[in-house]
Protein backbone atom coordinates (compact mmCIF):
# COMPACT_ATOMS: atom_id res chain seq x y z
CA MET A 1 -102.48 30.92 -2.18
CA LYS A 2 -103.96 32.15 1.08
CA THR A 3 -106.85 33.82 -0.74
CA ARG A 4 -107.50 30.67 -2.77
CA LYS A 5 -107.54 28.50 0.36
CA ALA A 6 -109.89 30.94 2.07
CA ILE A 7 -112.31 30.81 -0.89
CA GLU A 8 -112.17 27.01 -0.99
CA ALA A 9 -112.94 26.89 2.74
CA ILE A 10 -116.14 28.96 2.41
CA PRO A 11 -118.44 25.95 1.70
CA LEU A 12 -116.96 24.11 4.68
CA TYR A 13 -117.49 27.07 7.02
CA PHE A 14 -121.02 27.54 5.68
CA PHE A 15 -121.82 23.88 6.37
CA LEU A 16 -120.36 24.14 9.89
CA PHE A 17 -122.41 27.31 10.50
CA LEU A 18 -125.63 25.51 9.49
CA LEU A 19 -124.69 22.54 11.67
CA ALA A 20 -124.07 24.85 14.64
CA LEU A 21 -127.50 26.44 14.11
CA VAL A 22 -129.19 23.03 14.14
CA VAL A 23 -127.41 22.12 17.40
CA ILE A 24 -127.76 25.46 19.19
CA PHE A 25 -131.33 26.40 18.16
CA PRO A 26 -133.16 23.88 20.43
CA ILE A 27 -131.13 25.05 23.42
CA PHE A 28 -131.78 28.69 22.55
CA TYR A 29 -135.48 27.97 22.12
CA VAL A 30 -135.72 26.35 25.56
CA VAL A 31 -133.97 29.32 27.20
CA ILE A 32 -136.25 31.83 25.44
CA SER A 33 -139.37 29.82 26.26
CA SER A 34 -138.39 29.65 29.93
CA LEU A 35 -138.91 33.43 30.04
CA LYS A 36 -142.51 33.21 28.74
CA ASN A 37 -145.76 31.93 30.20
CA THR A 38 -147.51 28.82 28.86
CA ALA A 39 -150.02 30.81 26.79
CA SER A 40 -147.23 32.72 25.04
CA ILE A 41 -145.31 29.51 24.31
CA LEU A 42 -148.34 27.83 22.71
CA THR A 43 -150.08 30.74 20.96
CA SER A 44 -147.76 33.73 20.56
CA SER A 45 -146.50 34.44 17.04
CA SER A 46 -143.44 36.21 18.43
CA PHE A 47 -140.35 34.10 18.99
CA PHE A 48 -139.00 36.40 21.72
CA PRO A 49 -140.89 37.14 24.94
CA GLU A 50 -142.74 40.47 25.19
CA THR A 51 -141.37 40.98 28.70
CA ILE A 52 -138.41 39.14 30.23
CA THR A 53 -139.20 37.64 33.61
CA PHE A 54 -137.49 35.10 35.81
CA LYS A 55 -140.63 34.22 37.76
CA ASN A 56 -140.76 30.81 36.11
CA TYR A 57 -137.44 29.86 37.69
CA VAL A 58 -138.56 30.96 41.16
CA LYS A 59 -141.93 29.23 40.75
CA ALA A 60 -140.38 26.02 39.45
CA TRP A 61 -137.88 25.98 42.31
CA ASN A 62 -140.57 26.53 44.96
CA LEU A 63 -143.24 24.32 43.39
CA SER A 64 -141.02 21.28 42.97
CA ASN A 65 -138.61 19.74 45.40
CA PHE A 66 -135.62 21.05 43.46
CA LYS A 67 -133.18 21.06 46.37
CA VAL A 68 -133.79 17.35 46.94
CA TYR A 69 -133.65 16.57 43.21
CA ILE A 70 -130.34 18.37 42.76
CA TRP A 71 -128.85 16.69 45.83
CA ASN A 72 -129.98 13.27 44.57
CA SER A 73 -128.42 13.93 41.15
CA ILE A 74 -125.14 15.12 42.67
CA TYR A 75 -125.09 12.15 45.06
CA MET A 76 -125.78 9.64 42.28
CA CYS A 77 -123.39 11.19 39.73
CA THR A 78 -120.51 11.54 42.22
CA PHE A 79 -120.41 7.82 42.97
CA ILE A 80 -120.98 6.89 39.31
CA VAL A 81 -118.15 9.13 38.10
CA ILE A 82 -115.66 7.91 40.71
CA GLY A 83 -116.61 4.26 40.21
CA THR A 84 -116.60 4.48 36.42
CA ILE A 85 -113.15 6.08 36.38
CA ILE A 86 -111.73 3.29 38.55
CA THR A 87 -113.37 0.39 36.68
CA SER A 88 -112.79 1.76 33.16
CA ILE A 89 -109.13 2.66 33.62
CA SER A 90 -108.45 -0.58 35.53
CA ALA A 91 -110.05 -2.61 32.72
CA GLY A 92 -108.11 -0.64 30.12
CA TYR A 93 -104.86 -1.35 31.99
CA VAL A 94 -105.60 -5.07 32.26
CA PHE A 95 -106.36 -5.39 28.54
CA SER A 96 -103.36 -3.25 27.62
CA ARG A 97 -100.67 -4.72 29.88
CA GLY A 98 -102.13 -7.97 31.15
CA HIS A 99 -101.38 -11.42 29.78
CA PHE A 100 -103.99 -14.08 30.46
CA MET A 101 -105.79 -16.87 28.63
CA GLY A 102 -108.78 -15.76 26.58
CA LYS A 103 -107.81 -12.07 26.59
CA ARG A 104 -108.45 -11.52 22.87
CA LEU A 105 -111.69 -13.53 22.95
CA LEU A 106 -113.01 -11.57 25.93
CA LEU A 107 -112.10 -8.25 24.31
CA ALA A 108 -113.80 -9.37 21.10
CA LEU A 109 -116.99 -10.32 22.98
CA ILE A 110 -117.04 -6.95 24.72
CA THR A 111 -116.52 -5.24 21.36
CA PHE A 112 -119.41 -7.20 19.81
CA SER A 113 -121.69 -5.82 22.53
CA MET A 114 -121.35 -2.40 20.89
CA PHE A 115 -123.47 -3.68 18.01
CA ILE A 116 -126.25 -5.02 20.20
CA SER A 117 -128.89 -2.44 21.12
CA ALA A 118 -131.45 -4.06 23.38
CA GLY A 119 -132.63 -0.76 24.82
CA SER A 120 -135.28 -1.15 27.50
CA LEU A 121 -135.02 -4.97 27.33
CA TYR A 122 -132.08 -4.69 29.73
CA LEU A 123 -134.32 -3.13 32.38
CA TYR A 124 -136.08 -6.32 33.42
CA PRO A 125 -132.98 -8.42 34.21
CA GLN A 126 -131.31 -5.40 35.80
CA LEU A 127 -134.32 -4.81 38.01
CA ASN A 128 -134.43 -8.49 39.00
CA ILE A 129 -130.77 -8.41 40.01
CA ALA A 130 -131.39 -5.23 41.99
CA LYS A 131 -134.32 -6.92 43.78
CA MET A 132 -132.06 -9.79 44.79
CA LEU A 133 -129.68 -7.24 46.32
CA HIS A 134 -132.58 -5.21 47.81
CA LEU A 135 -131.56 -2.16 45.77
CA ASN A 136 -134.59 -1.92 43.50
CA ASN A 137 -136.01 1.09 45.34
CA SER A 138 -132.81 3.05 45.68
CA LEU A 139 -130.36 5.10 43.63
CA TRP A 140 -127.70 2.60 44.62
CA GLY A 141 -129.19 0.18 42.11
CA VAL A 142 -128.56 2.74 39.36
CA ILE A 143 -125.07 3.47 40.70
CA ILE A 144 -124.00 -0.19 40.75
CA ILE A 145 -125.38 -0.84 37.25
CA TYR A 146 -123.47 2.15 35.87
CA ILE A 147 -120.21 1.30 37.64
CA PHE A 148 -120.06 -2.42 36.87
CA GLY A 149 -121.75 -2.27 33.48
CA ILE A 150 -119.08 -2.40 30.76
CA ASN A 151 -118.87 0.83 28.79
CA VAL A 152 -117.01 -0.14 25.64
CA THR A 153 -116.20 3.48 24.70
CA ASN A 154 -114.52 4.16 28.02
CA LEU A 155 -112.70 0.81 27.85
CA TYR A 156 -111.21 1.52 24.44
CA LEU A 157 -110.29 5.09 25.40
CA ALA A 158 -108.44 3.77 28.44
CA LYS A 159 -106.78 0.93 26.57
CA GLY A 160 -105.67 3.22 23.73
CA PHE A 161 -104.25 5.78 26.14
CA ILE A 162 -102.34 3.20 28.21
CA ASP A 163 -101.04 1.50 25.05
CA GLY A 164 -99.24 4.76 24.31
CA ILE A 165 -97.36 4.79 27.63
CA PRO A 166 -93.89 3.25 27.06
CA LYS A 167 -93.63 -0.28 28.40
CA GLU A 168 -90.07 0.45 29.50
CA ILE A 169 -91.62 2.22 32.50
CA ASP A 170 -93.27 -1.05 33.54
CA GLU A 171 -90.06 -2.99 33.06
CA ALA A 172 -88.08 -0.53 35.18
CA ALA A 173 -90.71 -0.77 37.91
CA LYS A 174 -90.59 -4.57 37.82
CA VAL A 175 -86.82 -4.43 38.34
CA ASP A 176 -87.48 -2.37 41.45
CA GLY A 177 -89.85 -5.05 42.72
CA CYS A 178 -93.24 -3.56 41.81
CA SER A 179 -96.11 -5.95 41.18
CA PHE A 180 -98.61 -5.70 38.33
CA PHE A 181 -101.13 -3.85 40.49
CA ARG A 182 -98.49 -1.69 42.18
CA ILE A 183 -97.33 -0.48 38.76
CA PHE A 184 -100.89 0.55 37.96
CA TYR A 185 -101.51 2.31 41.26
CA ASN A 186 -98.18 4.12 41.58
CA ILE A 187 -97.16 4.74 37.96
CA ILE A 188 -99.82 4.25 35.29
CA PHE A 189 -102.85 5.74 37.02
CA PRO A 190 -101.14 9.07 37.90
CA LEU A 191 -100.16 9.43 34.21
CA THR A 192 -103.77 9.23 33.02
CA LYS A 193 -105.04 12.65 34.16
CA PRO A 194 -106.44 13.64 30.72
CA LEU A 195 -108.05 10.22 30.49
CA ILE A 196 -109.56 10.58 33.96
CA ALA A 197 -111.15 13.88 32.93
CA THR A 198 -112.50 12.38 29.70
CA VAL A 199 -113.99 9.25 31.28
CA GLY A 200 -115.31 11.25 34.22
CA LEU A 201 -117.02 13.80 32.00
CA LEU A 202 -118.59 11.12 29.80
CA ALA A 203 -119.84 9.27 32.88
CA PHE A 204 -121.20 12.50 34.38
CA MET A 205 -123.05 13.45 31.18
CA ASN A 206 -124.58 9.98 30.78
CA SER A 207 -125.70 9.65 34.39
CA TRP A 208 -126.90 13.25 34.79
CA ASN A 209 -129.05 13.06 31.64
CA ASP A 210 -130.36 9.53 32.14
CA TYR A 211 -134.10 9.35 32.69
CA LEU A 212 -135.34 5.78 32.17
CA LEU A 213 -133.15 3.84 34.59
CA PRO A 214 -133.40 6.27 37.56
CA MET A 215 -137.15 6.63 36.93
CA VAL A 216 -137.70 2.86 37.14
CA PHE A 217 -135.60 2.54 40.31
CA THR A 218 -137.33 5.45 42.09
CA LEU A 219 -140.96 4.80 41.12
CA GLY A 220 -141.86 3.78 44.65
CA ASN A 221 -139.64 6.38 46.30
CA PRO A 222 -140.16 9.89 44.81
CA GLU A 223 -137.87 11.45 47.43
CA LYS A 224 -134.94 9.68 45.76
CA GLN A 225 -135.66 10.99 42.27
CA PRO A 226 -132.77 12.76 40.50
CA LEU A 227 -133.22 16.11 38.78
CA VAL A 228 -134.16 14.92 35.27
CA VAL A 229 -136.82 12.55 36.61
CA GLY A 230 -138.13 15.26 38.92
CA ILE A 231 -138.47 17.78 36.08
CA VAL A 232 -140.47 15.37 33.94
CA SER A 233 -142.70 14.57 36.92
CA MET A 234 -143.58 18.29 37.11
CA LYS A 235 -145.70 17.82 33.99
CA THR A 236 -148.21 15.73 35.91
CA SER A 237 -147.98 17.20 39.38
CA GLY A 238 -150.62 19.54 40.80
CA GLU A 239 -150.32 23.16 39.70
CA SER A 240 -147.74 22.50 37.03
CA VAL A 241 -149.97 20.32 34.82
CA THR A 242 -149.34 21.41 31.18
CA SER A 243 -147.18 24.26 32.54
CA TRP A 244 -144.58 24.27 29.81
CA ASP A 245 -143.06 27.47 31.16
CA LEU A 246 -142.08 25.70 34.37
CA MET A 247 -140.85 22.68 32.43
CA MET A 248 -138.63 24.91 30.31
CA ALA A 249 -137.26 26.73 33.37
CA GLY A 250 -136.55 23.42 35.10
CA THR A 251 -134.80 22.11 31.98
CA VAL A 252 -132.52 25.14 31.85
CA MET A 253 -131.64 24.70 35.51
CA SER A 254 -130.84 21.03 34.92
CA VAL A 255 -128.56 21.83 31.96
CA LEU A 256 -126.52 24.52 33.73
CA PRO A 257 -124.49 22.20 36.04
CA MET A 258 -123.53 19.97 33.12
CA LEU A 259 -122.53 23.02 31.06
CA VAL A 260 -120.35 24.37 33.87
CA VAL A 261 -118.60 21.00 34.32
CA PHE A 262 -118.02 20.66 30.59
CA ILE A 263 -116.52 24.16 30.29
CA ALA A 264 -114.25 23.51 33.28
CA LEU A 265 -112.98 20.15 31.95
CA ASN A 266 -113.14 20.84 28.21
CA LYS A 267 -109.36 21.16 27.79
CA TYR A 268 -108.67 17.85 29.53
CA PHE A 269 -111.61 16.19 27.80
CA VAL A 270 -110.26 16.97 24.32
CA ALA A 271 -106.71 16.00 25.37
CA GLY A 272 -107.93 12.63 26.64
CA LEU A 273 -109.89 11.92 23.45
CA THR A 274 -107.03 12.82 21.10
CA SER A 275 -104.41 11.02 23.18
CA GLY A 276 -106.46 7.83 23.23
CA ALA A 277 -107.13 8.05 19.52
CA ILE A 278 -103.54 8.75 18.45
CA LYS A 279 -101.77 6.41 20.88
CA GLY A 280 -104.30 3.62 20.42
């Protein structure tokens, strides 16, 4: 039986192997290309570099304002992650435990927004609101939009997770005199550690990789550009024009922090996803 199951699983493993190649190859190509010069990237018939050198990383770091870019990204992502965790889990708790008029209608309207993809059309009203608040030339405009914009995925993850927490805990807390918000702060929120890691990691990945929104909000203030925007700007800045080797090196450096965070939180990330899915 074991041999038969192993033979039947061969097509599945083969498909997964091909899928892994499709996902990993672009990353591998970028890493390999970051060790070549521009001429080798564009004209060489060899996939691997003739000589391995890390000069591109040093040159990219010195040529661009990488220290400022990295600090801006960390600054922006830190506030976005903390704010998103608070707003998403609070919203999930309200929709899971709260009782108010129009709850189902409001949840349905938020759900319908998942099927509306306006893309860049959102930028104009968002920029107008930021101008009213005098945040159109600052990363704080991006931070506020991320924090108070409703992320339906995070909302449903939070709601599904909290739905799985026994309501008897709430009832016991009410007997002891806890209010609705005190129950959340003292009891529910500390029980959502896997969910916190999941929502935090999703928020970090989205904000760290975002290009369009931070680019629009920092057009008039290059010193506030985050890392991804700064790397793309290398393509049209001085010495690095058409320097794909520097672009590749900068891309690798921008991916590394996200990879480290994902590896560190992977266990909690998977636990939060599965808990939300099963309990919801």
